[in-house]
Amino acid sequence: MRQREHNFKLSTTVTLDQGEAGVSLYMSDDIHYDLVVRKIAGGYALFRRIRLGAADQEQFVKRVTAKPEAMITLKIAGDAYHYQFAATIDHENYQFGDAETKYLSSEVADNFTGVMIGLFATDSKETFATFSHFSCRYNINENEAL
């Protein structure tokens, strides 16, 4: 879906058997920010991925020991200058910092479509991810917690 306003908050719950899944703020194949959960032995790795051309970084990695059926909520909030990233697993909150919105702007990215918000699941084999409780709210109270 298209990001319609600067000020928004989104969240979705994901269950994941293998591979990785997440939420992408997508401008193009070469320019996007992702909030990702990856299934690893004994739990999950949570991280923010930033891809800006040849620069592709996974930042703020957190390894979380959790049961395979854990409910993971991914959260992103945006304003005119920054996106903020967070996640919750089994009532434990994790913050993943922020990223500047300007790198996903049409002026910098040279793309006229604007930012698209998408859910994704990837793996070299079959991926089993289920998304539920997706919510994206615009014109939110900026003081509201992520």
N, C-alpha and C. Protein backbone atom coordinates (compact mmCIF):
# COMPACT_ATOMS: atom_id res chain seq x y z
N MET A 1 0.83 -1.17 0.00
CA MET A 1 0.00 0.00 0.00
C MET A 1 0.88 1.24 0.00
N ARG A 2 0.36 2.32 -0.48
CA ARG A 2 1.11 3.56 -0.56
C ARG A 2 1.11 4.27 0.80
N GLN A 3 2.28 4.81 1.18
CA GLN A 3 2.34 5.66 2.37
C GLN A 3 1.70 6.99 1.99
N ARG A 4 0.56 7.32 2.60
CA ARG A 4 -0.21 8.48 2.18
C ARG A 4 0.13 9.76 2.93
N GLU A 5 0.64 9.67 4.14
CA GLU A 5 0.95 10.83 4.98
C GLU A 5 2.31 10.62 5.64
N HIS A 6 2.94 11.71 6.05
CA HIS A 6 4.21 11.59 6.77
C HIS A 6 4.00 10.95 8.14
N ASN A 7 3.00 11.44 8.88
CA ASN A 7 2.76 10.96 10.24
C ASN A 7 1.88 9.72 10.21
N PHE A 8 2.48 8.59 10.60
CA PHE A 8 1.72 7.34 10.64
C PHE A 8 2.35 6.39 11.64
N LYS A 9 1.59 5.40 12.03
CA LYS A 9 2.07 4.29 12.83
C LYS A 9 1.49 3.02 12.24
N LEU A 10 2.35 2.01 12.06
CA LEU A 10 1.85 0.74 11.58
C LEU A 10 2.36 -0.38 12.47
N SER A 11 1.61 -1.44 12.50
CA SER A 11 2.03 -2.64 13.22
C SER A 11 1.41 -3.85 12.55
N THR A 12 2.09 -4.97 12.69
CA THR A 12 1.57 -6.24 12.23
C THR A 12 2.19 -7.33 13.08
N THR A 13 1.45 -8.39 13.26
CA THR A 13 1.93 -9.54 14.02
C THR A 13 2.30 -10.63 13.03
N VAL A 14 3.44 -11.28 13.26
CA VAL A 14 3.91 -12.32 12.36
C VAL A 14 4.29 -13.54 13.18
N THR A 15 3.95 -14.71 12.66
CA THR A 15 4.48 -15.97 13.17
C THR A 15 5.31 -16.55 12.04
N LEU A 16 6.44 -17.16 12.40
CA LEU A 16 7.41 -17.56 11.40
C LEU A 16 8.00 -18.92 11.76
N ASP A 17 7.90 -19.87 10.82
CA ASP A 17 8.46 -21.20 11.03
C ASP A 17 9.91 -21.28 10.58
N GLN A 18 10.26 -20.57 9.54
CA GLN A 18 11.62 -20.58 9.00
C GLN A 18 11.81 -19.37 8.11
N GLY A 19 13.05 -19.11 7.71
CA GLY A 19 13.34 -18.00 6.82
C GLY A 19 13.24 -16.67 7.53
N GLU A 20 12.84 -15.64 6.79
CA GLU A 20 12.68 -14.32 7.38
C GLU A 20 11.44 -13.66 6.81
N ALA A 21 10.90 -12.73 7.59
CA ALA A 21 9.70 -11.99 7.19
C ALA A 21 9.78 -10.61 7.80
N GLY A 22 9.00 -9.69 7.26
CA GLY A 22 9.01 -8.36 7.83
C GLY A 22 8.16 -7.36 7.09
N VAL A 23 8.42 -6.09 7.39
CA VAL A 23 7.73 -4.96 6.79
C VAL A 23 8.77 -4.13 6.05
N SER A 24 8.43 -3.70 4.84
CA SER A 24 9.35 -2.91 4.04
C SER A 24 8.74 -1.54 3.74
N LEU A 25 9.56 -0.50 3.88
CA LEU A 25 9.25 0.82 3.37
C LEU A 25 10.03 0.91 2.07
N TYR A 26 9.33 0.77 0.97
CA TYR A 26 9.94 0.43 -0.31
C TYR A 26 9.82 1.58 -1.30
N MET A 27 10.98 2.00 -1.82
CA MET A 27 11.00 2.97 -2.91
C MET A 27 11.36 2.27 -4.23
N SER A 28 12.34 1.35 -4.17
CA SER A 28 12.73 0.58 -5.34
C SER A 28 13.52 -0.64 -4.84
N ASP A 29 13.90 -1.52 -5.77
CA ASP A 29 14.70 -2.68 -5.38
C ASP A 29 16.00 -2.28 -4.69
N ASP A 30 16.53 -1.12 -5.07
CA ASP A 30 17.81 -0.67 -4.51
C ASP A 30 17.67 0.30 -3.36
N ILE A 31 16.45 0.73 -3.05
CA ILE A 31 16.27 1.74 -2.01
C ILE A 31 15.05 1.36 -1.17
N HIS A 32 15.31 0.83 0.03
CA HIS A 32 14.22 0.49 0.94
C HIS A 32 14.75 0.28 2.35
N TYR A 33 13.85 0.44 3.33
CA TYR A 33 14.13 0.15 4.73
C TYR A 33 13.23 -1.02 5.11
N ASP A 34 13.80 -1.99 5.85
CA ASP A 34 13.03 -3.16 6.25
C ASP A 34 13.18 -3.39 7.75
N LEU A 35 12.11 -3.78 8.39
CA LEU A 35 12.13 -4.28 9.77
C LEU A 35 11.91 -5.78 9.65
N VAL A 36 12.88 -6.59 10.12
CA VAL A 36 12.94 -8.00 9.77
C VAL A 36 13.02 -8.89 11.01
N VAL A 37 12.36 -10.02 10.93
CA VAL A 37 12.53 -11.10 11.91
C VAL A 37 13.01 -12.32 11.14
N ARG A 38 14.06 -12.95 11.64
CA ARG A 38 14.62 -14.13 10.99
C ARG A 38 14.61 -15.28 12.00
N LYS A 39 14.14 -16.45 11.57
CA LYS A 39 14.15 -17.64 12.41
C LYS A 39 15.57 -18.17 12.49
N ILE A 40 16.07 -18.36 13.72
CA ILE A 40 17.39 -18.94 13.95
C ILE A 40 17.25 -20.06 14.99
N ALA A 41 18.29 -20.84 15.18
CA ALA A 41 18.25 -21.92 16.17
C ALA A 41 17.95 -21.34 17.55
N GLY A 42 16.91 -21.84 18.19
CA GLY A 42 16.56 -21.41 19.54
C GLY A 42 15.79 -20.12 19.64
N GLY A 43 15.43 -19.51 18.54
CA GLY A 43 14.67 -18.27 18.64
C GLY A 43 14.66 -17.47 17.36
N TYR A 44 14.90 -16.16 17.50
CA TYR A 44 14.77 -15.23 16.38
C TYR A 44 15.87 -14.18 16.42
N ALA A 45 16.20 -13.66 15.26
CA ALA A 45 17.04 -12.47 15.14
C ALA A 45 16.13 -11.35 14.62
N LEU A 46 16.15 -10.23 15.29
CA LEU A 46 15.37 -9.06 14.89
C LEU A 46 16.35 -7.97 14.46
N PHE A 47 16.05 -7.31 13.36
CA PHE A 47 16.95 -6.25 12.92
C PHE A 47 16.28 -5.31 11.94
N ARG A 48 16.95 -4.19 11.74
CA ARG A 48 16.55 -3.21 10.74
C ARG A 48 17.55 -3.31 9.61
N ARG A 49 17.05 -3.41 8.39
CA ARG A 49 17.90 -3.45 7.20
C ARG A 49 17.70 -2.15 6.44
N ILE A 50 18.82 -1.55 6.04
CA ILE A 50 18.78 -0.33 5.24
C ILE A 50 19.52 -0.60 3.94
N ARG A 51 18.81 -0.44 2.84
CA ARG A 51 19.45 -0.60 1.53
C ARG A 51 19.32 0.72 0.78
N LEU A 52 20.48 1.31 0.49
CA LEU A 52 20.56 2.55 -0.28
C LEU A 52 21.60 2.33 -1.37
N GLY A 53 21.15 1.83 -2.50
CA GLY A 53 22.07 1.50 -3.59
C GLY A 53 22.96 0.35 -3.19
N ALA A 54 24.27 0.53 -3.32
CA ALA A 54 25.22 -0.52 -2.98
C ALA A 54 25.39 -0.70 -1.47
N ALA A 55 24.96 0.27 -0.69
CA ALA A 55 25.04 0.17 0.77
C ALA A 55 23.86 -0.66 1.27
N ASP A 56 24.15 -1.83 1.82
CA ASP A 56 23.12 -2.74 2.32
C ASP A 56 23.56 -3.18 3.71
N GLN A 57 22.89 -2.65 4.74
CA GLN A 57 23.32 -2.91 6.10
C GLN A 57 22.19 -3.49 6.95
N GLU A 58 22.54 -4.45 7.79
CA GLU A 58 21.63 -4.94 8.82
C GLU A 58 22.13 -4.35 10.13
N GLN A 59 21.27 -3.56 10.77
CA GLN A 59 21.68 -2.83 11.97
C GLN A 59 20.81 -3.17 13.17
N PHE A 60 21.38 -2.99 14.34
CA PHE A 60 20.69 -3.18 15.61
C PHE A 60 20.14 -4.60 15.74
N VAL A 61 20.98 -5.58 15.46
CA VAL A 61 20.54 -6.97 15.55
C VAL A 61 20.34 -7.36 17.01
N LYS A 62 19.21 -7.99 17.30
CA LYS A 62 18.90 -8.53 18.62
C LYS A 62 18.60 -10.00 18.45
N ARG A 63 19.26 -10.84 19.19
CA ARG A 63 18.95 -12.27 19.21
C ARG A 63 18.03 -12.51 20.38
N VAL A 64 16.90 -13.14 20.12
CA VAL A 64 15.88 -13.34 21.15
C VAL A 64 15.57 -14.82 21.24
N THR A 65 15.70 -15.36 22.45
CA THR A 65 15.30 -16.74 22.68
C THR A 65 13.79 -16.75 22.90
N ALA A 66 13.09 -17.50 22.09
CA ALA A 66 11.63 -17.54 22.18
C ALA A 66 11.12 -18.85 21.62
N LYS A 67 9.93 -19.22 22.03
CA LYS A 67 9.30 -20.44 21.53
C LYS A 67 8.96 -20.29 20.06
N PRO A 68 8.93 -21.40 19.33
CA PRO A 68 8.63 -21.34 17.89
C PRO A 68 7.28 -20.68 17.57
N GLU A 69 6.32 -20.79 18.48
CA GLU A 69 5.00 -20.21 18.21
C GLU A 69 4.88 -18.78 18.74
N ALA A 70 5.99 -18.14 19.05
CA ALA A 70 5.98 -16.78 19.59
C ALA A 70 5.27 -15.82 18.64
N MET A 71 4.51 -14.91 19.22
CA MET A 71 3.86 -13.85 18.45
C MET A 71 4.80 -12.65 18.42
N ILE A 72 5.16 -12.22 17.24
CA ILE A 72 6.11 -11.13 17.06
C ILE A 72 5.35 -9.97 16.42
N THR A 73 5.38 -8.82 17.07
CA THR A 73 4.74 -7.64 16.51
C THR A 73 5.81 -6.68 16.03
N LEU A 74 5.76 -6.35 14.76
CA LEU A 74 6.68 -5.39 14.15
C LEU A 74 5.99 -4.05 14.06
N LYS A 75 6.72 -2.95 14.40
CA LYS A 75 6.11 -1.62 14.44
C LYS A 75 7.02 -0.59 13.78
N ILE A 76 6.42 0.27 12.99
CA ILE A 76 7.14 1.38 12.37
C ILE A 76 6.29 2.64 12.52
N ALA A 77 6.93 3.74 12.90
CA ALA A 77 6.26 5.04 12.98
C ALA A 77 7.03 6.01 12.09
N GLY A 78 6.30 6.91 11.46
CA GLY A 78 6.94 7.89 10.60
C GLY A 78 6.49 9.29 10.90
N ASP A 79 7.37 10.24 10.66
CA ASP A 79 7.02 11.66 10.65
C ASP A 79 7.74 12.28 9.44
N ALA A 80 7.77 13.57 9.35
CA ALA A 80 8.35 14.22 8.17
C ALA A 80 9.86 13.99 8.03
N TYR A 81 10.53 13.61 9.12
CA TYR A 81 11.99 13.52 9.09
C TYR A 81 12.55 12.13 9.35
N HIS A 82 11.84 11.29 10.09
CA HIS A 82 12.39 10.00 10.50
C HIS A 82 11.33 8.89 10.49
N TYR A 83 11.82 7.68 10.30
CA TYR A 83 11.05 6.47 10.57
C TYR A 83 11.66 5.86 11.84
N GLN A 84 10.82 5.37 12.73
CA GLN A 84 11.28 4.68 13.94
C GLN A 84 10.84 3.23 13.85
N PHE A 85 11.70 2.33 14.34
CA PHE A 85 11.48 0.89 14.21
C PHE A 85 11.47 0.24 15.59
N ALA A 86 10.52 -0.68 15.82
CA ALA A 86 10.42 -1.39 17.10
C ALA A 86 9.76 -2.74 16.87
N ALA A 87 9.91 -3.61 17.86
CA ALA A 87 9.26 -4.93 17.81
C ALA A 87 8.95 -5.38 19.22
N THR A 88 7.98 -6.29 19.33
CA THR A 88 7.62 -6.89 20.61
C THR A 88 7.54 -8.40 20.42
N ILE A 89 8.21 -9.12 21.31
CA ILE A 89 8.10 -10.58 21.35
C ILE A 89 7.78 -10.97 22.79
N ASP A 90 6.71 -11.72 22.96
CA ASP A 90 6.31 -12.18 24.29
C ASP A 90 6.33 -11.04 25.32
N HIS A 91 5.72 -9.92 24.97
CA HIS A 91 5.55 -8.75 25.83
C HIS A 91 6.86 -8.02 26.15
N GLU A 92 7.94 -8.37 25.47
CA GLU A 92 9.23 -7.68 25.63
C GLU A 92 9.43 -6.75 24.44
N ASN A 93 9.69 -5.46 24.72
CA ASN A 93 9.83 -4.46 23.66
C ASN A 93 11.28 -4.25 23.28
N TYR A 94 11.52 -4.08 21.98
CA TYR A 94 12.85 -3.85 21.44
C TYR A 94 12.79 -2.64 20.51
N GLN A 95 13.73 -1.72 20.67
CA GLN A 95 13.81 -0.54 19.82
C GLN A 95 14.96 -0.71 18.84
N PHE A 96 14.77 -0.29 17.59
CA PHE A 96 15.77 -0.45 16.55
C PHE A 96 16.20 0.88 15.94
N GLY A 97 16.03 1.95 16.67
CA GLY A 97 16.49 3.24 16.20
C GLY A 97 15.63 3.81 15.09
N ASP A 98 16.20 4.74 14.37
CA ASP A 98 15.45 5.39 13.30
C ASP A 98 16.30 5.52 12.04
N ALA A 99 15.65 5.96 10.98
CA ALA A 99 16.31 6.21 9.70
C ALA A 99 15.64 7.44 9.08
N GLU A 100 16.41 8.21 8.36
CA GLU A 100 15.90 9.45 7.79
C GLU A 100 14.96 9.18 6.61
N THR A 101 13.87 9.91 6.58
CA THR A 101 12.89 9.76 5.49
C THR A 101 13.42 10.29 4.16
N LYS A 102 14.35 11.24 4.21
CA LYS A 102 14.79 11.91 2.98
C LYS A 102 15.38 10.95 1.95
N TYR A 103 15.97 9.83 2.40
CA TYR A 103 16.57 8.90 1.45
C TYR A 103 15.52 8.09 0.67
N LEU A 104 14.29 8.09 1.17
CA LEU A 104 13.20 7.44 0.45
C LEU A 104 12.33 8.46 -0.28
N SER A 105 12.78 9.70 -0.34
CA SER A 105 11.98 10.73 -1.02
C SER A 105 12.18 10.65 -2.53
N SER A 106 11.20 11.12 -3.26
CA SER A 106 11.28 11.12 -4.72
C SER A 106 12.44 11.96 -5.23
N GLU A 107 12.79 13.03 -4.50
CA GLU A 107 13.88 13.91 -4.92
C GLU A 107 15.23 13.20 -4.83
N VAL A 108 15.44 12.43 -3.79
CA VAL A 108 16.72 11.73 -3.60
C VAL A 108 16.74 10.41 -4.36
N ALA A 109 15.66 9.66 -4.30
CA ALA A 109 15.62 8.32 -4.89
C ALA A 109 15.34 8.34 -6.39
N ASP A 110 14.96 9.49 -6.92
CA ASP A 110 14.68 9.63 -8.35
C ASP A 110 13.61 8.63 -8.81
N ASN A 111 12.53 8.60 -8.05
CA ASN A 111 11.43 7.70 -8.35
C ASN A 111 10.14 8.45 -8.05
N PHE A 112 9.18 8.39 -8.91
CA PHE A 112 7.97 9.18 -8.75
C PHE A 112 6.84 8.47 -8.02
N THR A 113 7.01 7.19 -7.68
CA THR A 113 5.89 6.44 -7.09
C THR A 113 5.65 6.75 -5.63
N GLY A 114 6.65 7.25 -4.93
CA GLY A 114 6.54 7.45 -3.49
C GLY A 114 6.80 6.15 -2.76
N VAL A 115 6.74 6.22 -1.44
CA VAL A 115 7.05 5.06 -0.61
C VAL A 115 5.86 4.11 -0.57
N MET A 116 6.15 2.84 -0.77
CA MET A 116 5.15 1.79 -0.65
C MET A 116 5.45 1.00 0.63
N ILE A 117 4.41 0.59 1.33
CA ILE A 117 4.54 -0.22 2.54
C ILE A 117 4.13 -1.63 2.17
N GLY A 118 5.01 -2.59 2.44
CA GLY A 118 4.70 -3.96 2.06
C GLY A 118 5.15 -4.97 3.10
N LEU A 119 4.46 -6.09 3.13
CA LEU A 119 4.85 -7.23 3.96
C LEU A 119 5.61 -8.19 3.06
N PHE A 120 6.60 -8.90 3.63
CA PHE A 120 7.35 -9.84 2.81
C PHE A 120 7.79 -11.04 3.63
N ALA A 121 8.05 -12.14 2.94
CA ALA A 121 8.62 -13.35 3.53
C ALA A 121 9.55 -13.95 2.48
N THR A 122 10.77 -14.30 2.89
CA THR A 122 11.74 -14.84 1.95
C THR A 122 12.51 -15.99 2.58
N ASP A 123 12.99 -16.88 1.74
CA ASP A 123 13.84 -17.99 2.14
C ASP A 123 14.30 -18.68 0.88
N SER A 124 15.41 -19.38 0.96
CA SER A 124 15.86 -20.12 -0.21
C SER A 124 15.02 -21.38 -0.43
N LYS A 125 14.28 -21.76 0.60
CA LYS A 125 13.37 -22.90 0.50
C LYS A 125 11.96 -22.36 0.62
N GLU A 126 11.07 -23.16 1.14
CA GLU A 126 9.71 -22.72 1.38
C GLU A 126 9.65 -21.92 2.67
N THR A 127 8.98 -20.81 2.66
CA THR A 127 8.86 -19.98 3.85
C THR A 127 7.45 -20.10 4.41
N PHE A 128 7.38 -20.19 5.71
CA PHE A 128 6.09 -20.27 6.37
C PHE A 128 5.96 -19.09 7.31
N ALA A 129 5.29 -18.06 6.87
CA ALA A 129 5.06 -16.87 7.68
C ALA A 129 3.59 -16.51 7.58
N THR A 130 3.02 -16.13 8.70
CA THR A 130 1.64 -15.69 8.73
C THR A 130 1.59 -14.30 9.35
N PHE A 131 0.97 -13.36 8.63
CA PHE A 131 0.80 -12.01 9.12
C PHE A 131 -0.65 -11.84 9.58
N SER A 132 -0.83 -11.13 10.68
CA SER A 132 -2.18 -10.84 11.17
C SER A 132 -2.17 -9.48 11.87
N HIS A 133 -3.34 -8.99 12.16
CA HIS A 133 -3.51 -7.74 12.91
C HIS A 133 -2.74 -6.57 12.29
N PHE A 134 -2.76 -6.47 10.96
CA PHE A 134 -2.10 -5.34 10.30
C PHE A 134 -2.91 -4.07 10.56
N SER A 135 -2.21 -3.02 10.96
CA SER A 135 -2.85 -1.74 11.21
C SER A 135 -1.92 -0.63 10.73
N CYS A 136 -2.47 0.32 9.99
CA CYS A 136 -1.71 1.51 9.58
C CYS A 136 -2.61 2.71 9.80
N ARG A 137 -2.22 3.57 10.74
CA ARG A 137 -3.01 4.74 11.09
C ARG A 137 -2.26 6.01 10.73
N TYR A 138 -2.95 6.95 10.14
CA TYR A 138 -2.37 8.23 9.72
C TYR A 138 -2.84 9.35 10.63
N ASN A 139 -2.09 10.48 10.57
CA ASN A 139 -2.42 11.67 11.36
C ASN A 139 -2.57 11.31 12.83
N ILE A 140 -1.58 10.62 13.35
CA ILE A 140 -1.62 10.13 14.72
C ILE A 140 -1.04 11.18 15.67
N ASN A 141 -1.27 10.97 16.94
CA ASN A 141 -0.70 11.81 18.00
C ASN A 141 0.80 11.52 18.05
N GLU A 142 1.64 12.51 17.84
CA GLU A 142 3.08 12.30 17.79
C GLU A 142 3.65 11.84 19.13
N ASN A 143 2.95 12.08 20.24
CA ASN A 143 3.43 11.66 21.56
C ASN A 143 3.03 10.23 21.90
N GLU A 144 2.25 9.62 21.05
CA GLU A 144 1.80 8.25 21.28
C GLU A 144 2.99 7.30 21.16
N ALA A 145 3.12 6.37 22.10
CA ALA A 145 4.26 5.43 22.11
C ALA A 145 4.20 4.51 20.92
N LEU A 146 5.40 4.10 20.46
CA LEU A 146 5.50 3.18 19.32
C LEU A 146 5.21 1.78 19.75
